[in-house]
Amino acid sequence: GVSESTVVRFAIELGFDGYPEMQRSLQELIRMRLTAVQRVD
């Protein structure tokens, strides 16, 4: 329930260059933690 720009600013607030960088970082962090069921979803 927020704007796309708010999401982008949130990523920058965390220290990333933008949302794509935060997204890639999150993907790398969680891939080893996802269960087989979560992967299907």
Full PDB file with SEQRES, HELIX, SHEET, SSBOND, CRYST1, ORIGX, SCALE, CONECT and MASTER records, all heavy atoms in Angstrom:
SEQRES   1 A   41  GLY VAL SER GLU SER THR VAL VAL ARG PHE ALA ILE GLU          
SEQRES   2 A   41  LEU GLY PHE ASP GLY TYR PRO GLU MET GLN ARG SER LEU          
SEQRES   3 A   41  GLN GLU LEU ILE ARG MET ARG LEU THR ALA VAL GLN ARG          
SEQRES   4 A   41  VAL ASP                                                      
HELIX    1 AA1 GLU A    4  GLU A   13  1                                  10    
HELIX    2 AA2 TYR A   19  ILE A   30  1                                  12    
HELIX    3 AA3 ALA A   36  VAL A   40  1                                   5    
CRYST1    1.000    1.000    1.000  90.00  90.00  90.00 P 1           1          
ORIGX1      1.000000  0.000000  0.000000        0.00000                         
ORIGX2      0.000000  1.000000  0.000000        0.00000                         
ORIGX3      0.000000  0.000000  1.000000        0.00000                         
SCALE1      1.000000  0.000000  0.000000        0.00000                         
SCALE2      0.000000  1.000000  0.000000        0.00000                         
SCALE3      0.000000  0.000000  1.000000        0.00000                         
ATOM      1  N   GLY A   1       0.772  -1.227   0.000  1.00  0.00           N  
ATOM      2  CA  GLY A   1       0.000   0.000   0.000  1.00  0.00           C  
ATOM      3  C   GLY A   1       0.808   1.284   0.000  1.00  0.00           C  
ATOM      4  O   GLY A   1       0.402   2.281   0.613  1.00  0.00           O  
ATOM      5  N   VAL A   2       1.966   1.279  -0.698  1.00  0.00           N  
ATOM      6  CA  VAL A   2       2.763   2.497  -0.837  1.00  0.00           C  
ATOM      7  C   VAL A   2       3.109   2.666  -2.309  1.00  0.00           C  
ATOM      8  O   VAL A   2       2.877   1.774  -3.122  1.00  0.00           O  
ATOM      9  CB  VAL A   2       4.068   2.427   0.004  1.00  0.00           C  
ATOM     10  CG1 VAL A   2       3.750   2.244   1.482  1.00  0.00           C  
ATOM     11  CG2 VAL A   2       4.979   1.316  -0.497  1.00  0.00           C  
ATOM     12  N   SER A   3       3.657   3.812  -2.657  1.00  0.00           N  
ATOM     13  CA  SER A   3       4.017   4.071  -4.051  1.00  0.00           C  
ATOM     14  C   SER A   3       5.308   3.352  -4.419  1.00  0.00           C  
ATOM     15  O   SER A   3       6.104   2.972  -3.549  1.00  0.00           O  
ATOM     16  CB  SER A   3       4.191   5.567  -4.283  1.00  0.00           C  
ATOM     17  OG  SER A   3       5.317   6.053  -3.560  1.00  0.00           O  
ATOM     18  N   GLU A   4       5.531   3.176  -5.719  1.00  0.00           N  
ATOM     19  CA  GLU A   4       6.764   2.556  -6.200  1.00  0.00           C  
ATOM     20  C   GLU A   4       7.975   3.388  -5.794  1.00  0.00           C  
ATOM     21  O   GLU A   4       9.018   2.847  -5.429  1.00  0.00           O  
ATOM     22  CB  GLU A   4       6.712   2.414  -7.723  1.00  0.00           C  
ATOM     23  CG  GLU A   4       7.954   1.772  -8.324  1.00  0.00           C  
ATOM     24  CD  GLU A   4       7.865   1.622  -9.840  1.00  0.00           C  
ATOM     25  OE1 GLU A   4       6.774   1.885 -10.397  1.00  0.00           O  
ATOM     26  OE2 GLU A   4       8.879   1.271 -10.471  1.00  0.00           O  
ATOM     27  N   SER A   5       7.838   4.700  -5.830  1.00  0.00           N  
ATOM     28  CA  SER A   5       8.955   5.578  -5.459  1.00  0.00           C  
ATOM     29  C   SER A   5       9.327   5.409  -3.987  1.00  0.00           C  
ATOM     30  O   SER A   5      10.501   5.529  -3.618  1.00  0.00           O  
ATOM     31  CB  SER A   5       8.609   7.037  -5.753  1.00  0.00           C  
ATOM     32  OG  SER A   5       7.461   7.447  -5.024  1.00  0.00           O  
ATOM     33  N   THR A   6       8.336   5.120  -3.140  1.00  0.00           N  
ATOM     34  CA  THR A   6       8.615   4.882  -1.720  1.00  0.00           C  
ATOM     35  C   THR A   6       9.447   3.620  -1.547  1.00  0.00           C  
ATOM     36  O   THR A   6      10.365   3.564  -0.717  1.00  0.00           O  
ATOM     37  CB  THR A   6       7.307   4.754  -0.918  1.00  0.00           C  
ATOM     38  OG1 THR A   6       6.564   5.955  -1.046  1.00  0.00           O  
ATOM     39  CG2 THR A   6       7.590   4.497   0.560  1.00  0.00           C  
ATOM     40  N   VAL A   7       9.150   2.603  -2.336  1.00  0.00           N  
ATOM     41  CA  VAL A   7       9.915   1.364  -2.284  1.00  0.00           C  
ATOM     42  C   VAL A   7      11.360   1.613  -2.724  1.00  0.00           C  
ATOM     43  O   VAL A   7      12.306   1.128  -2.100  1.00  0.00           O  
ATOM     44  CB  VAL A   7       9.274   0.275  -3.173  1.00  0.00           C  
ATOM     45  CG1 VAL A   7      10.136  -0.984  -3.183  1.00  0.00           C  
ATOM     46  CG2 VAL A   7       7.865  -0.051  -2.692  1.00  0.00           C  
ATOM     47  N   VAL A   8      11.539   2.398  -3.785  1.00  0.00           N  
ATOM     48  CA  VAL A   8      12.875   2.715  -4.283  1.00  0.00           C  
ATOM     49  C   VAL A   8      13.656   3.503  -3.236  1.00  0.00           C  
ATOM     50  O   VAL A   8      14.838   3.232  -2.975  1.00  0.00           O  
ATOM     51  CB  VAL A   8      12.791   3.506  -5.605  1.00  0.00           C  
ATOM     52  CG1 VAL A   8      14.185   3.966  -6.035  1.00  0.00           C  
ATOM     53  CG2 VAL A   8      12.154   2.653  -6.701  1.00  0.00           C  
ATOM     54  N   ARG A   9      12.992   4.490  -2.614  1.00  0.00           N  
ATOM     55  CA  ARG A   9      13.663   5.289  -1.576  1.00  0.00           C  
ATOM     56  C   ARG A   9      14.027   4.424  -0.373  1.00  0.00           C  
ATOM     57  O   ARG A   9      15.043   4.669   0.285  1.00  0.00           O  
ATOM     58  CB  ARG A   9      12.763   6.451  -1.146  1.00  0.00           C  
ATOM     59  CG  ARG A   9      12.671   7.576  -2.181  1.00  0.00           C  
ATOM     60  CD  ARG A   9      12.127   8.854  -1.556  1.00  0.00           C  
ATOM     61  NE  ARG A   9      10.766   8.664  -1.048  1.00  0.00           N  
ATOM     62  CZ  ARG A   9       9.661   8.830  -1.764  1.00  0.00           C  
ATOM     63  NH1 ARG A   9       9.761   9.188  -3.035  1.00  0.00           N  
ATOM     64  NH2 ARG A   9       8.476   8.656  -1.233  1.00  0.00           N  
ATOM     65  N   PHE A  10      13.208   3.441  -0.082  1.00  0.00           N  
ATOM     66  CA  PHE A  10      13.496   2.522   1.022  1.00  0.00           C  
ATOM     67  C   PHE A  10      14.812   1.782   0.765  1.00  0.00           C  
ATOM     68  O   PHE A  10      15.648   1.645   1.669  1.00  0.00           O  
ATOM     69  CB  PHE A  10      12.348   1.524   1.178  1.00  0.00           C  
ATOM     70  CG  PHE A  10      12.611   0.439   2.189  1.00  0.00           C  
ATOM     71  CD1 PHE A  10      12.518   0.698   3.546  1.00  0.00           C  
ATOM     72  CD2 PHE A  10      12.958  -0.844   1.775  1.00  0.00           C  
ATOM     73  CE1 PHE A  10      12.761  -0.309   4.485  1.00  0.00           C  
ATOM     74  CE2 PHE A  10      13.202  -1.847   2.701  1.00  0.00           C  
ATOM     75  CZ  PHE A  10      13.099  -1.586   4.056  1.00  0.00           C  
ATOM     76  N   ALA A  11      15.012   1.315  -0.470  1.00  0.00           N  
ATOM     77  CA  ALA A  11      16.248   0.624  -0.815  1.00  0.00           C  
ATOM     78  C   ALA A  11      17.452   1.550  -0.669  1.00  0.00           C  
ATOM     79  O   ALA A  11      18.501   1.156  -0.153  1.00  0.00           O  
ATOM     80  CB  ALA A  11      16.162   0.078  -2.240  1.00  0.00           C  
ATOM     81  N   ILE A  12      17.287   2.788  -1.114  1.00  0.00           N  
ATOM     82  CA  ILE A  12      18.377   3.769  -1.007  1.00  0.00           C  
ATOM     83  C   ILE A  12      18.669   4.094   0.453  1.00  0.00           C  
ATOM     84  O   ILE A  12      19.830   4.260   0.851  1.00  0.00           O  
ATOM     85  CB  ILE A  12      18.016   5.043  -1.795  1.00  0.00           C  
ATOM     86  CG1 ILE A  12      17.919   4.713  -3.300  1.00  0.00           C  
ATOM     87  CG2 ILE A  12      19.038   6.143  -1.543  1.00  0.00           C  
ATOM     88  CD1 ILE A  12      17.404   5.847  -4.146  1.00  0.00           C  
ATOM     89  N   GLU A  13      17.617   4.144   1.259  1.00  0.00           N  
ATOM     90  CA  GLU A  13      17.760   4.404   2.696  1.00  0.00           C  
ATOM     91  C   GLU A  13      18.620   3.320   3.354  1.00  0.00           C  
ATOM     92  O   GLU A  13      19.382   3.599   4.292  1.00  0.00           O  
ATOM     93  CB  GLU A  13      16.376   4.436   3.353  1.00  0.00           C  
ATOM     94  CG  GLU A  13      16.379   4.655   4.856  1.00  0.00           C  
ATOM     95  CD  GLU A  13      16.593   6.110   5.259  1.00  0.00           C  
ATOM     96  OE1 GLU A  13      16.491   6.983   4.387  1.00  0.00           O  
ATOM     97  OE2 GLU A  13      16.879   6.350   6.446  1.00  0.00           O  
ATOM     98  N   LEU A  14      18.540   2.109   2.838  1.00  0.00           N  
ATOM     99  CA  LEU A  14      19.326   1.003   3.390  1.00  0.00           C  
ATOM    100  C   LEU A  14      20.783   1.029   2.921  1.00  0.00           C  
ATOM    101  O   LEU A  14      21.601   0.267   3.413  1.00  0.00           O  
ATOM    102  CB  LEU A  14      18.701  -0.337   2.989  1.00  0.00           C  
ATOM    103  CG  LEU A  14      17.394  -0.719   3.680  1.00  0.00           C  
ATOM    104  CD1 LEU A  14      16.862  -2.034   3.104  1.00  0.00           C  
ATOM    105  CD2 LEU A  14      17.577  -0.852   5.186  1.00  0.00           C  
ATOM    106  N   GLY A  15      21.087   1.907   1.947  1.00  0.00           N  
ATOM    107  CA  GLY A  15      22.455   2.024   1.475  1.00  0.00           C  
ATOM    108  C   GLY A  15      22.716   1.449   0.099  1.00  0.00           C  
ATOM    109  O   GLY A  15      23.862   1.416  -0.356  1.00  0.00           O  
ATOM    110  N   PHE A  16      21.653   0.991  -0.573  1.00  0.00           N  
ATOM    111  CA  PHE A  16      21.804   0.451  -1.921  1.00  0.00           C  
ATOM    112  C   PHE A  16      21.693   1.565  -2.959  1.00  0.00           C  
ATOM    113  O   PHE A  16      21.124   2.616  -2.687  1.00  0.00           O  
ATOM    114  CB  PHE A  16      20.740  -0.616  -2.187  1.00  0.00           C  
ATOM    115  CG  PHE A  16      20.854  -1.824  -1.303  1.00  0.00           C  
ATOM    116  CD1 PHE A  16      20.031  -1.988  -0.202  1.00  0.00           C  
ATOM    117  CD2 PHE A  16      21.810  -2.799  -1.559  1.00  0.00           C  
ATOM    118  CE1 PHE A  16      20.139  -3.093   0.616  1.00  0.00           C  
ATOM    119  CE2 PHE A  16      21.931  -3.916  -0.753  1.00  0.00           C  
ATOM    120  CZ  PHE A  16      21.091  -4.064   0.346  1.00  0.00           C  
ATOM    121  N   ASP A  17      22.235   1.313  -4.151  1.00  0.00           N  
ATOM    122  CA  ASP A  17      22.136   2.300  -5.234  1.00  0.00           C  
ATOM    123  C   ASP A  17      20.705   2.432  -5.740  1.00  0.00           C  
ATOM    124  O   ASP A  17      20.332   3.453  -6.298  1.00  0.00           O  
ATOM    125  CB  ASP A  17      23.049   1.905  -6.403  1.00  0.00           C  
ATOM    126  CG  ASP A  17      24.522   2.036  -6.037  1.00  0.00           C  
ATOM    127  OD1 ASP A  17      24.826   2.807  -5.111  1.00  0.00           O  
ATOM    128  OD2 ASP A  17      25.355   1.371  -6.674  1.00  0.00           O  
ATOM    129  N   GLY A  18      19.941   1.387  -5.557  1.00  0.00           N  
ATOM    130  CA  GLY A  18      18.556   1.402  -6.008  1.00  0.00           C  
ATOM    131  C   GLY A  18      17.876   0.103  -5.648  1.00  0.00           C  
ATOM    132  O   GLY A  18      18.477  -0.785  -5.022  1.00  0.00           O  
ATOM    133  N   TYR A  19      16.635  -0.054  -6.069  1.00  0.00           N  
ATOM    134  CA  TYR A  19      15.878  -1.251  -5.719  1.00  0.00           C  
ATOM    135  C   TYR A  19      16.470  -2.527  -6.326  1.00  0.00           C  
ATOM    136  O   TYR A  19      16.551  -3.553  -5.636  1.00  0.00           O  
ATOM    137  CB  TYR A  19      14.421  -1.092  -6.147  1.00  0.00           C  
ATOM    138  CG  TYR A  19      13.562  -2.277  -5.797  1.00  0.00           C  
ATOM    139  CD1 TYR A  19      13.124  -2.480  -4.489  1.00  0.00           C  
ATOM    140  CD2 TYR A  19      13.214  -3.222  -6.765  1.00  0.00           C  
ATOM    141  CE1 TYR A  19      12.365  -3.582  -4.149  1.00  0.00           C  
ATOM    142  CE2 TYR A  19      12.444  -4.323  -6.436  1.00  0.00           C  
ATOM    143  CZ  TYR A  19      12.019  -4.500  -5.129  1.00  0.00           C  
ATOM    144  OH  TYR A  19      11.259  -5.598  -4.802  1.00  0.00           O  
ATOM    145  N   PRO A  20      16.909  -2.528  -7.604  1.00  0.00           N  
ATOM    146  CA  PRO A  20      17.471  -3.755  -8.174  1.00  0.00           C  
ATOM    147  C   PRO A  20      18.645  -4.313  -7.380  1.00  0.00           C  
ATOM    148  O   PRO A  20      18.778  -5.524  -7.224  1.00  0.00           O  
ATOM    149  CB  PRO A  20      17.895  -3.323  -9.580  1.00  0.00           C  
ATOM    150  CG  PRO A  20      16.978  -2.188  -9.914  1.00  0.00           C  
ATOM    151  CD  PRO A  20      16.815  -1.451  -8.615  1.00  0.00           C  
ATOM    152  N   GLU A  21      19.510  -3.423  -6.864  1.00  0.00           N  
ATOM    153  CA  GLU A  21      20.655  -3.895  -6.089  1.00  0.00           C  
ATOM    154  C   GLU A  21      20.195  -4.535  -4.782  1.00  0.00           C  
ATOM    155  O   GLU A  21      20.715  -5.575  -4.359  1.00  0.00           O  
ATOM    156  CB  GLU A  21      21.624  -2.744  -5.799  1.00  0.00           C  
ATOM    157  CG  GLU A  21      22.901  -3.223  -5.109  1.00  0.00           C  
ATOM    158  CD  GLU A  21      23.846  -2.085  -4.737  1.00  0.00           C  
ATOM    159  OE1 GLU A  21      23.458  -0.916  -4.917  1.00  0.00           O  
ATOM    160  OE2 GLU A  21      24.943  -2.392  -4.251  1.00  0.00           O  
ATOM    161  N   MET A  22      19.206  -3.918  -4.124  1.00  0.00           N  
ATOM    162  CA  MET A  22      18.668  -4.504  -2.894  1.00  0.00           C  
ATOM    163  C   MET A  22      18.032  -5.863  -3.185  1.00  0.00           C  
ATOM    164  O   MET A  22      18.194  -6.822  -2.432  1.00  0.00           O  
ATOM    165  CB  MET A  22      17.634  -3.576  -2.265  1.00  0.00           C  
ATOM    166  CG  MET A  22      17.110  -4.098  -0.917  1.00  0.00           C  
ATOM    167  SD  MET A  22      15.713  -3.159  -0.249  1.00  0.00           S  
ATOM    168  CE  MET A  22      14.365  -3.882  -1.222  1.00  0.00           C  
ATOM    169  N   GLN A  23      17.311  -5.940  -4.300  1.00  0.00           N  
ATOM    170  CA  GLN A  23      16.641  -7.175  -4.680  1.00  0.00           C  
ATOM    171  C   GLN A  23      17.653  -8.294  -4.922  1.00  0.00           C  
ATOM    172  O   GLN A  23      17.473  -9.415  -4.440  1.00  0.00           O  
ATOM    173  CB  GLN A  23      15.803  -6.930  -5.940  1.00  0.00           C  
ATOM    174  CG  GLN A  23      14.920  -8.093  -6.344  1.00  0.00           C  
ATOM    175  CD  GLN A  23      14.150  -7.786  -7.613  1.00  0.00           C  
ATOM    176  OE1 GLN A  23      14.688  -7.192  -8.549  1.00  0.00           O  
ATOM    177  NE2 GLN A  23      12.891  -8.206  -7.657  1.00  0.00           N  
ATOM    178  N   ARG A  24      18.734  -7.992  -5.651  1.00  0.00           N  
ATOM    179  CA  ARG A  24      19.769  -9.007  -5.915  1.00  0.00           C  
ATOM    180  C   ARG A  24      20.421  -9.463  -4.618  1.00  0.00           C  
ATOM    181  O   ARG A  24      20.697 -10.654  -4.431  1.00  0.00           O  
ATOM    182  CB  ARG A  24      20.820  -8.453  -6.873  1.00  0.00           C  
ATOM    183  CG  ARG A  24      20.357  -8.343  -8.320  1.00  0.00           C  
ATOM    184  CD  ARG A  24      21.524  -8.091  -9.246  1.00  0.00           C  
ATOM    185  NE  ARG A  24      22.165  -6.815  -8.972  1.00  0.00           N  
ATOM    186  CZ  ARG A  24      21.810  -5.669  -9.559  1.00  0.00           C  
ATOM    187  NH1 ARG A  24      20.828  -5.645 -10.445  1.00  0.00           N  
ATOM    188  NH2 ARG A  24      22.452  -4.549  -9.267  1.00  0.00           N  
ATOM    189  N   SER A  25      20.678  -8.512  -3.725  1.00  0.00           N  
ATOM    190  CA  SER A  25      21.295  -8.850  -2.449  1.00  0.00           C  
ATOM    191  C   SER A  25      20.392  -9.761  -1.630  1.00  0.00           C  
ATOM    192  O   SER A  25      20.843 -10.739  -1.019  1.00  0.00           O  
ATOM    193  CB  SER A  25      21.595  -7.563  -1.662  1.00  0.00           C  
ATOM    194  OG  SER A  25      22.193  -7.869  -0.418  1.00  0.00           O  
ATOM    195  N   LEU A  26      19.105  -9.467  -1.631  1.00  0.00           N  
ATOM    196  CA  LEU A  26      18.137 -10.285  -0.897  1.00  0.00           C  
ATOM    197  C   LEU A  26      18.017 -11.675  -1.510  1.00  0.00           C  
ATOM    198  O   LEU A  26      17.940 -12.681  -0.798  1.00  0.00           O  
ATOM    199  CB  LEU A  26      16.773  -9.585  -0.888  1.00  0.00           C  
ATOM    200  CG  LEU A  26      15.668 -10.230  -0.044  1.00  0.00           C  
ATOM    201  CD1 LEU A  26      16.100 -10.360   1.404  1.00  0.00           C  
ATOM    202  CD2 LEU A  26      14.386  -9.418  -0.135  1.00  0.00           C  
ATOM    203  N   GLN A  27      18.050 -11.750  -2.839  1.00  0.00           N  
ATOM    204  CA  GLN A  27      17.968 -13.048  -3.515  1.00  0.00           C  
ATOM    205  C   GLN A  27      19.160 -13.927  -3.165  1.00  0.00           C  
ATOM    206  O   GLN A  27      19.013 -15.127  -2.895  1.00  0.00           O  
ATOM    207  CB  GLN A  27      17.889 -12.842  -5.031  1.00  0.00           C  
ATOM    208  CG  GLN A  27      16.551 -12.303  -5.506  1.00  0.00           C  
ATOM    209  CD  GLN A  27      16.569 -11.915  -6.976  1.00  0.00           C  
ATOM    210  OE1 GLN A  27      17.598 -12.036  -7.646  1.00  0.00           O  
ATOM    211  NE2 GLN A  27      15.439 -11.450  -7.486  1.00  0.00           N  
ATOM    212  N   GLU A  28      20.350 -13.349  -3.168  1.00  0.00           N  
ATOM    213  CA  GLU A  28      21.546 -14.118  -2.831  1.00  0.00           C  
ATOM    214  C   GLU A  28      21.498 -14.593  -1.384  1.00  0.00           C  
ATOM    215  O   GLU A  28      21.924 -15.702  -1.063  1.00  0.00           O  
ATOM    216  CB  GLU A  28      22.799 -13.271  -3.060  1.00  0.00           C  
ATOM    217  CG  GLU A  28      23.117 -13.033  -4.535  1.00  0.00           C  
ATOM    218  CD  GLU A  28      24.426 -12.301  -4.714  1.00  0.00           C  
ATOM    219  OE1 GLU A  28      25.088 -12.001  -3.698  1.00  0.00           O  
ATOM    220  OE2 GLU A  28      24.796 -12.029  -5.864  1.00  0.00           O  
ATOM    221  N   LEU A  29      20.972 -13.743  -0.516  1.00  0.00           N  
ATOM    222  CA  LEU A  29      20.926 -14.065   0.907  1.00  0.00           C  
ATOM    223  C   LEU A  29      19.990 -15.222   1.200  1.00  0.00           C  
ATOM    224  O   LEU A  29      20.288 -16.098   2.010  1.00  0.00           O  
ATOM    225  CB  LEU A  29      20.484 -12.828   1.701  1.00  0.00           C  
ATOM    226  CG  LEU A  29      20.289 -13.007   3.208  1.00  0.00           C  
ATOM    227  CD1 LEU A  29      21.632 -13.278   3.883  1.00  0.00           C  
ATOM    228  CD2 LEU A  29      19.635 -11.779   3.821  1.00  0.00           C  
ATOM    229  N   ILE A  30      18.842 -15.254   0.526  1.00  0.00           N  
ATOM    230  CA  ILE A  30      17.810 -16.221   0.899  1.00  0.00           C  
ATOM    231  C   ILE A  30      17.824 -17.512   0.105  1.00  0.00           C  
ATOM    232  O   ILE A  30      17.194 -18.485   0.511  1.00  0.00           O  
ATOM    233  CB  ILE A  30      16.403 -15.597   0.776  1.00  0.00           C  
ATOM    234  CG1 ILE A  30      16.034 -15.369  -0.691  1.00  0.00           C  
ATOM    235  CG2 ILE A  30      16.293 -14.328   1.593  1.00  0.00           C  
ATOM    236  CD1 ILE A  30      14.598 -14.966  -0.902  1.00  0.00           C  
ATOM    237  N   ARG A  31      18.518 -17.552  -1.033  1.00  0.00           N  
ATOM    238  CA  ARG A  31      18.407 -18.731  -1.892  1.00  0.00           C  
ATOM    239  C   ARG A  31      18.784 -20.020  -1.171  1.00  0.00           C  
ATOM    240  O   ARG A  31      18.179 -21.064  -1.372  1.00  0.00           O  
ATOM    241  CB  ARG A  31      19.262 -18.576  -3.147  1.00  0.00           C  
ATOM    242  CG  ARG A  31      18.623 -17.689  -4.188  1.00  0.00           C  
ATOM    243  CD  ARG A  31      19.427 -17.679  -5.464  1.00  0.00           C  
ATOM    244  NE  ARG A  31      19.415 -18.991  -6.096  1.00  0.00           N  
ATOM    245  CZ  ARG A  31      20.416 -19.464  -6.806  1.00  0.00           C  
ATOM    246  NH1 ARG A  31      21.524 -18.769  -6.937  1.00  0.00           N  
ATOM    247  NH2 ARG A  31      20.339 -20.646  -7.379  1.00  0.00           N  
ATOM    248  N   MET A  32      19.779 -19.960  -0.307  1.00  0.00           N  
ATOM    249  CA  MET A  32      20.194 -21.155   0.407  1.00  0.00           C  
ATOM    250  C   MET A  32      19.220 -21.508   1.530  1.00  0.00           C  
ATOM    251  O   MET A  32      19.294 -22.600   2.093  1.00  0.00           O  
ATOM    252  CB  MET A  32      21.608 -20.975   0.964  1.00  0.00           C  
ATOM    253  CG  MET A  32      21.734 -19.974   2.098  1.00  0.00           C  
ATOM    254  SD  MET A  32      23.444 -19.716   2.623  1.00  0.00           S  
ATOM    255  CE  MET A  32      24.100 -18.767   1.262  1.00  0.00           C  
ATOM    256  N   ARG A  33      18.303 -20.593   1.850  1.00  0.00           N  
ATOM    257  CA  ARG A  33      17.376 -20.843   2.949  1.00  0.00           C  
ATOM    258  C   ARG A  33      16.010 -21.333   2.477  1.00  0.00           C  
ATOM    259  O   ARG A  33      15.231 -21.837   3.272  1.00  0.00           O  
ATOM    260  CB  ARG A  33      17.170 -19.554   3.765  1.00  0.00           C  
ATOM    261  CG  ARG A  33      18.454 -18.991   4.348  1.00  0.00           C  
ATOM    262  CD  ARG A  33      18.169 -17.760   5.181  1.00  0.00           C  
ATOM    263  NE  ARG A  33      19.386 -17.145   5.679  1.00  0.00           N  
ATOM    264  CZ  ARG A  33      19.405 -16.074   6.469  1.00  0.00           C  
ATOM    265  NH1 ARG A  33      18.272 -15.507   6.831  1.00  0.00           N  
ATOM    266  NH2 ARG A  33      20.555 -15.575   6.878  1.00  0.00           N  
ATOM    267  N   LEU A  34      15.714 -21.157   1.196  1.00  0.00           N  
ATOM    268  CA  LEU A  34      14.392 -21.531   0.713  1.00  0.00           C  
ATOM    269  C   LEU A  34      14.208 -23.042   0.703  1.00  0.00           C  
ATOM    270  O   LEU A  34      15.072 -23.777   0.245  1.00  0.00           O  
ATOM    271  CB  LEU A  34      14.169 -20.997  -0.707  1.00  0.00           C  
ATOM    272  CG  LEU A  34      14.084 -19.480  -0.877  1.00  0.00           C  
ATOM    273  CD1 LEU A  34      13.817 -19.148  -2.335  1.00  0.00           C  
ATOM    274  CD2 LEU A  34      13.002 -18.893   0.000  1.00  0.00           C  
ATOM    275  N   THR A  35      13.062 -23.489   1.200  1.00  0.00           N  
ATOM    276  CA  THR A  35      12.730 -24.904   1.121  1.00  0.00           C  
ATOM    277  C   THR A  35      12.239 -25.226  -0.278  1.00  0.00           C  
ATOM    278  O   THR A  35      11.931 -24.326  -1.070  1.00  0.00           O  
ATOM    279  CB  THR A  35      11.628 -25.268   2.129  1.00  0.00           C  
ATOM    280  OG1 THR A  35      10.415 -24.583   1.761  1.00  0.00           O  
ATOM    281  CG2 THR A  35      12.025 -24.865   3.548  1.00  0.00           C  
ATOM    282  N   ALA A  36      12.125 -26.519  -0.588  1.00  0.00           N  
ATOM    283  CA  ALA A  36      11.637 -26.935  -1.913  1.00  0.00           C  
ATOM    284  C   ALA A  36      10.228 -26.412  -2.150  1.00  0.00           C  
ATOM    285  O   ALA A  36       9.886 -25.979  -3.256  1.00  0.00           O  
ATOM    286  CB  ALA A  36      11.678 -28.457  -2.024  1.00  0.00           C  
ATOM    287  N   VAL A  37       9.401 -26.415  -1.108  1.00  0.00           N  
ATOM    288  CA  VAL A  37       8.017 -25.929  -1.243  1.00  0.00           C  
ATOM    289  C   VAL A  37       7.999 -24.437  -1.536  1.00  0.00           C  
ATOM    290  O   VAL A  37       7.242 -23.961  -2.398  1.00  0.00           O  
ATOM    291  CB  VAL A  37       7.214 -26.244   0.040  1.00  0.00           C  
ATOM    292  CG1 VAL A  37       5.825 -25.606  -0.037  1.00  0.00           C  
ATOM    293  CG2 VAL A  37       7.082 -27.748   0.235  1.00  0.00           C  
ATOM    294  N   GLN A  38       8.840 -23.664  -0.840  1.00  0.00           N  
ATOM    295  CA  GLN A  38       8.916 -22.223  -1.080  1.00  0.00           C  
ATOM    296  C   GLN A  38       9.390 -21.931  -2.496  1.00  0.00           C  
ATOM    297  O   GLN A  38       8.921 -20.992  -3.139  1.00  0.00           O  
ATOM    298  CB  GLN A  38       9.858 -21.567  -0.066  1.00  0.00           C  
ATOM    299  CG  GLN A  38       9.292 -21.473   1.342  1.00  0.00           C  
ATOM    300  CD  GLN A  38      10.304 -20.939   2.336  1.00  0.00           C  
ATOM    301  OE1 GLN A  38      11.470 -21.339   2.331  1.00  0.00           O  
ATOM    302  NE2 GLN A  38       9.879 -20.028   3.186  1.00  0.00           N  
ATOM    303  N   ARG A  39      10.312 -22.745  -3.001  1.00  0.00           N  
ATOM    304  CA  ARG A  39      10.817 -22.552  -4.360  1.00  0.00           C  
ATOM    305  C   ARG A  39       9.696 -22.725  -5.386  1.00  0.00           C  
ATOM    306  O   ARG A  39       9.619 -21.984  -6.363  1.00  0.00           O  
ATOM    307  CB  ARG A  39      11.942 -23.558  -4.653  1.00  0.00           C  
ATOM    308  CG  ARG A  39      13.270 -23.179  -4.010  1.00  0.00           C  
ATOM    309  CD  ARG A  39      14.260 -24.337  -4.083  1.00  0.00           C  
ATOM    310  NE  ARG A  39      15.581 -23.883  -3.651  1.00  0.00           N  
ATOM    311  CZ  ARG A  39      16.621 -23.772  -4.455  1.00  0.00           C  
ATOM    312  NH1 ARG A  39      16.507 -24.068  -5.728  1.00  0.00           N  
ATOM    313  NH2 ARG A  39      17.777 -23.354  -4.001  1.00  0.00           N  
ATOM    314  N   VAL A  40       8.844 -23.715  -5.185  1.00  0.00           N  
ATOM    315  CA  VAL A  40       7.722 -23.932  -6.097  1.00  0.00           C  
ATOM    316  C   VAL A  40       6.809 -22.715  -6.103  1.00  0.00           C  
ATOM    317  O   VAL A  40       6.391 -22.233  -7.162  1.00  0.00           O  
ATOM    318  CB  VAL A  40       6.936 -25.200  -5.704  1.00  0.00           C  
ATOM    319  CG1 VAL A  40       5.641 -25.295  -6.512  1.00  0.00           C  
ATOM    320  CG2 VAL A  40       7.784 -26.445  -5.933  1.00  0.00           C  
ATOM    321  N   ASP A  41       6.502 -22.197  -4.917  1.00  0.00           N  
ATOM    322  CA  ASP A  41       5.615 -21.030  -4.813  1.00  0.00           C  
ATOM    323  C   ASP A  41       6.220 -19.813  -5.505  1.00  0.00           C  
ATOM    324  O   ASP A  41       5.527 -19.084  -6.226  1.00  0.00           O  
ATOM    325  CB  ASP A  41       5.335 -20.705  -3.344  1.00  0.00           C  
ATOM    326  CG  ASP A  41       4.471 -21.770  -2.667  1.00  0.00           C  
ATOM    327  OD1 ASP A  41       3.782 -22.511  -3.404  1.00  0.00           O  
ATOM    328  OD2 ASP A  41       4.501 -21.856  -1.433  1.00  0.00           O  
TER     329      ASP A  41                                                      
MASTER        0    0    0    3    0    0    0    6  328    1    0    4          
END                                                                             
